[in-house]
């Protein structure tokens, strides 16, 4: 499952630090930074920096693990008879309400006037398309496979950035793209005989929608308060899904305890909590490091799918999934290493 004015940029900044996990509003391409760390082991400033870094790591890992529950909640909701339009309508409606409450409580600046329409487009088109393809795939193929196919998005973004914005492809990036391609082929090939091909196509489409969302977000989100941006994007997505669910007679919901608990987990655990922890944690450790830690997400989904859903995968699928995660790390590692190389000692 984000964000200098964009109009002043000749093109979006699409290097590895921009490939972090935007939510249905997470802050991709935001004016976030990695605080410069000190190197004197006993200096109190460094101790504070180390504490902030450790906190940031914990928050981002918690965010990734929470995002990893999204597919699990989706599968459980389907097994409970909740239709896709119903599920996503209430997910975005309730999440949008939570974020607007946070906006009101914190009273941050709202998005600039010229950004409202692009933010609405991100929610109504980009995030609706991504969520439709992701949860459509989830109905047809295992949760672990769906999550791994989505996580090809760092490679897709890198490739699209090279094709559309003429970003250079270093040897390291080419190797990472090759690793991602091999991993994807292994995951897909292992499932071809046992699941509908449409599910695999939808899983890859979710990565395509998400990659397009990231590229667009890199131009729209800089300078926009992340929480307000998230609230706006989710409101737009909620409006589209609610309109569709209402028009097709799928907005009604059973008010039994199991359904309410599933919705609460889906909204709070798999949507609101990971967004907030990511928004708070990423500035403490830097976007590239946060992106590497975000690979805990598909790993969490695979683990929970085995433990909770009883999914069983062939060894070749685990190999393919490991290669996809490795490719994401390879694409982000140069940015993190470059940031570490700029660490300066504290002057006396």
Protein backbone atom coordinates (compact mmCIF):
# COMPACT_ATOMS: atom_id res chain seq x y z
CA UNK A 1 0.00 0.00 0.00
CA UNK A 2 4.63 10.10 -0.04
CA UNK A 3 5.54 14.46 -0.45
CA UNK A 4 10.65 23.90 -3.70
CA UNK A 5 7.33 24.00 -5.64
CA UNK A 6 6.81 21.39 -8.32
CA UNK A 7 6.22 23.94 -11.04
CA UNK A 8 9.78 25.20 -10.50
CA UNK A 9 11.26 21.80 -11.28
CA UNK A 10 12.23 21.00 -14.88
CA UNK A 11 11.07 17.43 -14.26
CA UNK A 12 10.19 15.29 -11.25
CA UNK A 13 12.97 14.09 -9.02
CA UNK A 14 12.85 10.37 -9.58
CA UNK A 15 16.07 9.07 -8.13
CA UNK A 16 16.06 6.20 -5.69
CA UNK A 17 15.08 8.40 -2.78
CA UNK A 18 11.72 9.05 -4.44
CA UNK A 19 10.68 5.41 -4.54
CA UNK A 20 9.44 5.27 -0.98
CA UNK A 21 6.00 4.00 -0.08
CA UNK A 22 3.37 6.62 -0.79
CA UNK A 23 0.08 5.73 0.77
CA UNK A 24 -3.02 6.30 -0.67
CA UNK A 25 -1.23 9.24 0.29
CA UNK A 26 2.06 8.32 1.89
CA UNK A 27 4.69 10.95 1.29
CA UNK A 28 6.50 10.07 -1.91
CA UNK A 29 8.79 12.84 -3.07
CA UNK A 30 8.04 14.99 -0.05
CA UNK A 31 10.54 17.60 1.10
CA UNK A 32 11.82 15.17 3.68
CA UNK A 33 15.42 14.92 4.76
CA UNK A 34 17.84 12.74 6.67
CA UNK A 35 19.26 14.71 9.61
CA UNK A 36 23.02 14.90 9.45
CA UNK A 37 24.49 12.60 12.03
CA UNK A 38 27.49 13.15 14.24
CA UNK A 39 30.32 10.65 14.52
CA UNK A 40 31.66 11.27 18.02
CA UNK A 41 30.48 8.29 20.00
CA UNK A 42 30.12 10.05 23.35
CA UNK A 43 28.76 13.37 22.09
CA UNK A 44 25.23 14.10 23.39
CA UNK A 45 24.19 15.39 19.98
CA UNK A 46 25.10 12.04 18.43
CA UNK A 47 23.27 10.18 21.16
CA UNK A 48 20.19 12.21 20.31
CA UNK A 49 20.72 11.47 16.61
CA UNK A 50 21.16 7.77 17.31
CA UNK A 51 17.97 7.81 19.34
CA UNK A 52 16.08 9.55 16.54
CA UNK A 53 17.48 7.07 14.03
CA UNK A 54 16.47 4.10 16.15
CA UNK A 55 12.99 5.57 16.59
CA UNK A 56 12.74 6.15 12.85
CA UNK A 57 13.76 2.57 12.10
CA UNK A 58 11.17 1.25 14.53
CA UNK A 59 8.40 3.44 13.09
CA UNK A 60 9.16 2.55 9.47
CA UNK A 61 9.42 -1.17 10.22
CA UNK A 62 6.11 -0.95 12.13
CA UNK A 63 4.60 0.82 9.13
CA UNK A 64 5.85 -1.84 6.71
CA UNK A 65 4.60 -4.69 8.88
CA UNK A 66 1.21 -3.00 9.22
CA UNK A 67 0.97 -2.50 5.46
CA UNK A 68 1.77 -6.19 5.21
CA UNK A 69 -1.54 -7.00 6.89
CA UNK A 70 -3.55 -5.34 4.10
CA UNK A 71 -3.80 -8.44 1.91
CA UNK A 72 -4.59 -10.59 4.95
CA UNK A 73 -7.50 -8.36 5.99
CA UNK A 74 -8.65 -8.35 2.37
CA UNK A 75 -8.71 -12.15 2.19
CA UNK A 76 -10.52 -12.39 5.53
CA UNK A 77 -13.09 -9.82 4.39
CA UNK A 78 -13.75 -11.78 1.20
CA UNK A 79 -14.16 -15.00 3.19
CA UNK A 80 -16.70 -13.16 5.34
CA UNK A 81 -18.76 -12.26 2.28
CA UNK A 82 -17.83 -8.57 2.01
CA UNK A 83 -17.78 -7.43 -1.64
CA UNK A 84 -14.84 -5.48 -3.05
CA UNK A 85 -16.74 -2.19 -3.62
CA UNK A 86 -18.19 -2.40 -0.11
CA UNK A 87 -14.82 -3.12 1.44
CA UNK A 88 -12.98 -0.31 -0.31
CA UNK A 89 -15.81 2.21 0.14
CA UNK A 90 -15.73 1.86 3.91
CA UNK A 91 -11.96 1.65 4.00
CA UNK A 92 -11.52 5.01 2.31
CA UNK A 93 -14.52 6.70 3.94
CA UNK A 94 -13.40 5.83 7.46
CA UNK A 95 -9.71 6.48 6.75
CA UNK A 96 -10.54 9.88 5.24
CA UNK A 97 -12.57 10.78 8.34
CA UNK A 98 -9.66 9.85 10.60
CA UNK A 99 -7.21 11.93 8.58
CA UNK A 100 -9.50 14.97 8.46
CA UNK A 101 -9.85 14.74 12.25
CA UNK A 102 -6.04 14.75 12.46
CA UNK A 103 -5.91 17.75 10.14
CA UNK A 104 -8.41 19.58 12.36
CA UNK A 105 -6.61 18.68 15.59
CA UNK A 106 -3.17 19.62 14.36
CA UNK A 107 -4.45 22.57 12.31
CA UNK A 108 -1.67 22.31 9.71
CA UNK A 109 -1.78 24.23 6.45
CA UNK A 110 -4.15 22.84 3.86
CA UNK A 111 -2.90 21.96 0.37
CA UNK A 112 -2.22 25.00 -1.83
CA UNK A 113 -5.14 26.03 -4.01
CA UNK A 114 -3.45 24.84 -7.21
CA UNK A 115 -2.87 21.34 -5.82
CA UNK A 116 -6.44 20.37 -4.94
CA UNK A 117 -7.37 19.11 -8.40
CA UNK A 118 -4.16 17.07 -8.87
CA UNK A 119 -4.63 15.53 -5.41
CA UNK A 120 -8.22 14.63 -6.26
CA UNK A 121 -7.00 13.05 -9.50
CA UNK A 122 -4.44 11.01 -7.56
CA UNK A 123 -7.20 9.60 -5.39
CA UNK A 124 -10.01 9.27 -7.92
CA UNK A 125 -7.89 7.77 -10.71
CA UNK A 126 -4.52 6.59 -9.45
CA UNK A 127 -5.45 5.16 -6.10
CA UNK A 128 -8.80 3.80 -7.24
CA UNK A 129 -7.11 2.04 -10.15
CA UNK A 130 -4.38 0.63 -7.94
CA UNK A 131 -6.75 -0.57 -5.24
CA UNK A 132 -9.17 -2.09 -7.78
CA UNK A 133 -6.43 -4.09 -9.48
CA UNK A 134 -4.75 -5.09 -6.20
CA UNK A 135 -7.90 -6.29 -4.48
CA UNK A 136 -9.19 -7.75 -7.72
CA UNK A 137 -6.04 -9.86 -7.87
CA UNK A 138 -6.48 -10.75 -4.22
CA UNK A 139 -9.80 -12.42 -5.00
CA UNK A 140 -8.15 -14.71 -7.55
CA UNK A 141 -4.61 -15.46 -6.35
CA UNK A 142 -2.88 -15.98 -3.00
CA UNK A 143 -2.19 -12.99 -0.76
CA UNK A 144 1.56 -13.62 -0.82
CA UNK A 145 1.66 -13.64 -4.63
CA UNK A 146 -0.41 -10.46 -4.83
CA UNK A 147 1.92 -8.65 -2.45
CA UNK A 148 5.07 -9.80 -4.24
CA UNK A 149 3.73 -8.75 -7.65
CA UNK A 150 2.87 -5.30 -6.29
CA UNK A 151 6.39 -4.99 -4.94
CA UNK A 152 7.84 -4.99 -8.42
CA UNK A 153 6.90 -1.28 -8.42
CA UNK A 154 10.41 0.05 -7.56
CA UNK A 155 11.75 -1.62 -10.71
CA UNK A 156 8.80 -0.37 -12.77
CA UNK A 157 9.30 3.19 -11.51
CA UNK A 158 13.01 3.05 -12.32
CA UNK A 159 12.28 1.80 -15.84
CA UNK A 160 9.53 4.36 -16.48
CA UNK A 161 11.73 7.16 -15.16
CA UNK A 162 14.39 6.18 -17.68
CA UNK A 163 11.91 5.94 -20.56
CA UNK A 164 9.84 9.03 -19.81
CA UNK A 165 12.30 11.36 -18.11
CA UNK A 166 15.59 10.10 -19.52
CA UNK A 167 17.08 9.16 -16.18
CA UNK A 168 20.33 7.30 -16.59
CA UNK A 169 20.36 3.57 -15.93
CA UNK A 170 23.55 2.70 -14.10
CA UNK A 171 25.01 -0.79 -14.11
CA UNK A 172 23.62 -1.30 -10.61
CA UNK A 173 20.11 -0.31 -11.72
CA UNK A 174 20.27 -2.60 -14.74
CA UNK A 175 21.31 -5.49 -12.51
CA UNK A 176 18.46 -4.71 -10.11
CA UNK A 177 15.97 -4.59 -12.99
CA UNK A 178 17.21 -7.95 -14.26
CA UNK A 179 16.91 -9.44 -10.77
CA UNK A 180 13.36 -8.08 -10.45
CA UNK A 181 12.41 -9.49 -13.85
CA UNK A 182 13.77 -12.94 -13.01
CA UNK A 183 11.98 -12.87 -9.65
CA UNK A 184 8.69 -11.87 -11.27
CA UNK A 185 8.98 -14.61 -13.88
CA UNK A 186 9.61 -17.20 -11.17
CA UNK A 187 6.64 -16.04 -9.08
CA UNK A 188 4.29 -15.93 -12.08
CA UNK A 189 5.51 -19.15 -13.69
CA UNK A 190 5.06 -21.07 -10.47
CA UNK A 191 1.40 -19.99 -10.31
CA UNK A 192 0.36 -20.28 -13.96
CA UNK A 193 -0.99 -23.80 -13.64
CA UNK A 194 -2.82 -23.29 -10.36
CA UNK A 195 -4.44 -19.82 -10.42
CA UNK A 196 -6.35 -17.75 -13.02
CA UNK A 197 -4.05 -15.81 -15.31
CA UNK A 198 -6.31 -12.78 -14.83
CA UNK A 199 -5.27 -12.63 -11.17
CA UNK A 200 -1.60 -12.48 -12.13
CA UNK A 201 -2.31 -9.79 -14.72
CA UNK A 202 -4.22 -7.73 -12.15
CA UNK A 203 -1.36 -8.12 -9.67
CA UNK A 204 1.09 -6.73 -12.21
CA UNK A 205 -1.39 -4.00 -13.14
CA UNK A 206 -1.47 -2.91 -9.50
CA UNK A 207 2.29 -2.38 -9.70
CA UNK A 208 1.81 -0.38 -12.90
CA UNK A 209 -0.89 1.84 -11.37
CA UNK A 210 1.20 2.33 -8.25
CA UNK A 211 4.29 3.26 -10.27
CA UNK A 212 2.32 5.83 -12.27
CA UNK A 213 0.93 7.16 -9.00
CA UNK A 214 4.47 7.60 -7.66
CA UNK A 215 5.71 9.39 -10.77
CA UNK A 216 2.75 11.78 -10.68
CA UNK A 217 3.11 12.24 -6.93
CA UNK A 218 6.72 13.32 -7.35
CA UNK A 219 5.41 16.43 -9.12
CA UNK A 220 2.28 17.08 -7.10
CA UNK A 221 3.18 16.37 -3.48
CA UNK A 222 6.30 18.49 -2.83
CA UNK A 223 5.28 21.37 -0.59
CA UNK A 224 1.94 19.81 0.39
CA UNK A 225 1.40 18.84 4.07
CA UNK A 226 1.44 15.00 4.04
CA UNK A 227 -1.55 14.49 6.36
CA UNK A 228 -3.70 16.98 4.47
CA UNK A 229 -2.63 15.40 1.17
CA UNK A 230 -3.52 11.96 2.51
CA UNK A 231 -6.94 13.18 3.65
CA UNK A 232 -7.68 14.74 0.26
CA UNK A 233 -6.53 11.71 -1.74
CA UNK A 234 -8.50 9.30 0.43
CA UNK A 235 -11.61 11.47 0.23
CA UNK A 236 -11.47 11.39 -3.56
CA UNK A 237 -10.99 7.61 -3.58
CA UNK A 238 -13.84 7.23 -1.08
CA UNK A 239 -16.18 9.29 -3.27
CA UNK A 240 -15.49 7.13 -6.33
CA UNK A 241 -15.84 3.81 -4.53
CA UNK A 242 -18.94 4.90 -2.59
CA UNK A 243 -20.60 6.14 -5.77
CA UNK A 244 -19.87 2.85 -7.53
CA UNK A 245 -20.96 0.75 -4.56
CA UNK A 246 -24.16 2.78 -4.21
CA UNK A 247 -24.97 2.54 -7.92
CA UNK A 248 -24.50 -1.23 -7.88
CA UNK A 249 -26.35 -1.80 -4.62
CA UNK A 250 -23.23 -2.88 -2.74
CA UNK A 251 -22.96 -0.16 -0.12
CA UNK A 252 -24.94 -2.04 2.51
CA UNK A 253 -23.00 -3.80 5.24
CA UNK A 254 -23.88 -6.40 7.85
CA UNK A 255 -23.43 -4.86 11.29
CA UNK A 256 -22.32 -8.04 13.05
CA UNK A 257 -19.31 -8.07 15.34
CA UNK A 258 -16.97 -9.95 13.00
CA UNK A 259 -17.61 -7.50 10.16
CA UNK A 260 -17.02 -4.47 12.37
CA UNK A 261 -13.78 -5.93 13.74
CA UNK A 262 -12.55 -6.68 10.23
CA UNK A 263 -13.32 -3.14 9.08
CA UNK A 264 -11.65 -1.65 12.15
CA UNK A 265 -8.49 -3.65 11.50
CA UNK A 266 -8.60 -2.91 7.79
CA UNK A 267 -8.89 0.83 8.34
CA UNK A 268 -6.78 1.38 11.45
CA UNK A 269 -4.17 -1.38 11.30
CA UNK A 270 -3.68 -1.60 7.54
CA UNK A 271 -4.30 2.01 6.48
CA UNK A 272 -4.16 4.79 9.09
CA UNK A 273 -1.46 3.41 11.41
CA UNK A 274 1.09 2.59 8.68
CA UNK A 275 0.61 5.97 7.02
CA UNK A 276 1.17 7.90 10.24
CA UNK A 277 4.17 5.86 11.38
CA UNK A 278 5.77 6.21 7.95
CA UNK A 279 5.18 9.97 7.80
CA UNK A 280 6.75 10.38 11.25
CA UNK A 281 9.55 7.85 10.83
CA UNK A 282 10.89 8.58 7.36
CA UNK A 283 12.30 12.07 8.10
CA UNK A 284 14.29 10.56 10.98
CA UNK A 285 16.21 8.08 8.82
CA UNK A 286 15.95 9.37 5.25
CA UNK A 287 13.84 8.19 2.30
CA UNK A 288 16.29 5.63 0.89
CA UNK A 289 16.80 3.84 4.18
CA UNK A 290 13.05 3.94 4.76
CA UNK A 291 12.46 2.36 1.36
CA UNK A 292 14.84 -0.48 2.16
CA UNK A 293 13.11 -1.13 5.48
CA UNK A 294 9.75 -1.07 3.69
CA UNK A 295 10.65 -4.43 2.15
CA UNK A 296 9.43 -5.84 5.47
CA UNK A 297 5.95 -5.37 3.95
CA UNK A 298 5.90 -8.26 1.44
CA UNK A 299 7.88 -10.41 3.86
CA UNK A 300 5.20 -9.81 6.50
CA UNK A 301 2.43 -10.63 4.06
CA UNK A 302 4.08 -13.92 3.06
CA UNK A 303 4.60 -14.91 6.70
CA UNK A 304 1.05 -14.00 7.78
CA UNK A 305 -0.41 -15.71 4.72
CA UNK A 306 1.22 -18.96 5.83
CA UNK A 307 0.32 -18.58 9.52
CA UNK A 308 -3.20 -17.13 9.26
CA UNK A 309 -4.48 -18.16 5.84
CA UNK A 310 -2.67 -21.47 5.57
CA UNK A 311 -1.18 -20.62 2.18
CA UNK A 312 1.47 -22.99 0.89
CA UNK A 313 3.98 -21.95 -1.76
CA UNK A 314 6.53 -23.85 -3.78
CA UNK A 315 10.23 -23.17 -3.13
CA UNK A 316 10.54 -21.51 -6.53
CA UNK A 317 7.96 -18.92 -5.46
CA UNK A 318 9.94 -18.08 -2.33
CA UNK A 319 13.05 -17.76 -4.49
CA UNK A 320 11.24 -15.43 -6.88
CA UNK A 321 9.84 -13.37 -4.01
CA UNK A 322 13.29 -13.09 -2.45
CA UNK A 323 14.68 -11.81 -5.76
CA UNK A 324 11.93 -9.18 -6.03
CA UNK A 325 12.71 -7.94 -2.51
CA UNK A 326 16.45 -8.03 -3.27
CA UNK A 327 15.89 -5.91 -6.38
CA UNK A 328 14.02 -3.30 -4.33
CA UNK A 329 16.92 -3.17 -1.87
CA UNK A 330 19.50 -2.90 -4.67
CA UNK A 331 17.61 0.04 -6.17
CA UNK A 332 17.51 1.90 -2.86
CA UNK A 333 20.90 1.02 -1.37
CA UNK A 334 22.95 3.56 -3.43
CA UNK A 335 20.89 6.46 -2.06
CA UNK A 336 21.34 5.27 1.51
CA UNK A 337 25.08 4.72 1.08
CA UNK A 338 25.44 8.15 -0.49
CA UNK A 339 23.66 9.71 2.48
CA UNK A 340 25.96 7.89 4.90
CA UNK A 341 28.98 9.13 2.98
CA UNK A 342 27.96 12.73 3.65
CA UNK A 343 28.01 12.32 7.45
CA UNK A 344 30.10 15.10 8.96
CA UNK A 345 31.83 15.17 12.34
CA UNK A 346 30.69 17.74 14.89
CA UNK A 347 33.10 20.61 15.22
CA UNK A 348 34.44 21.53 18.62
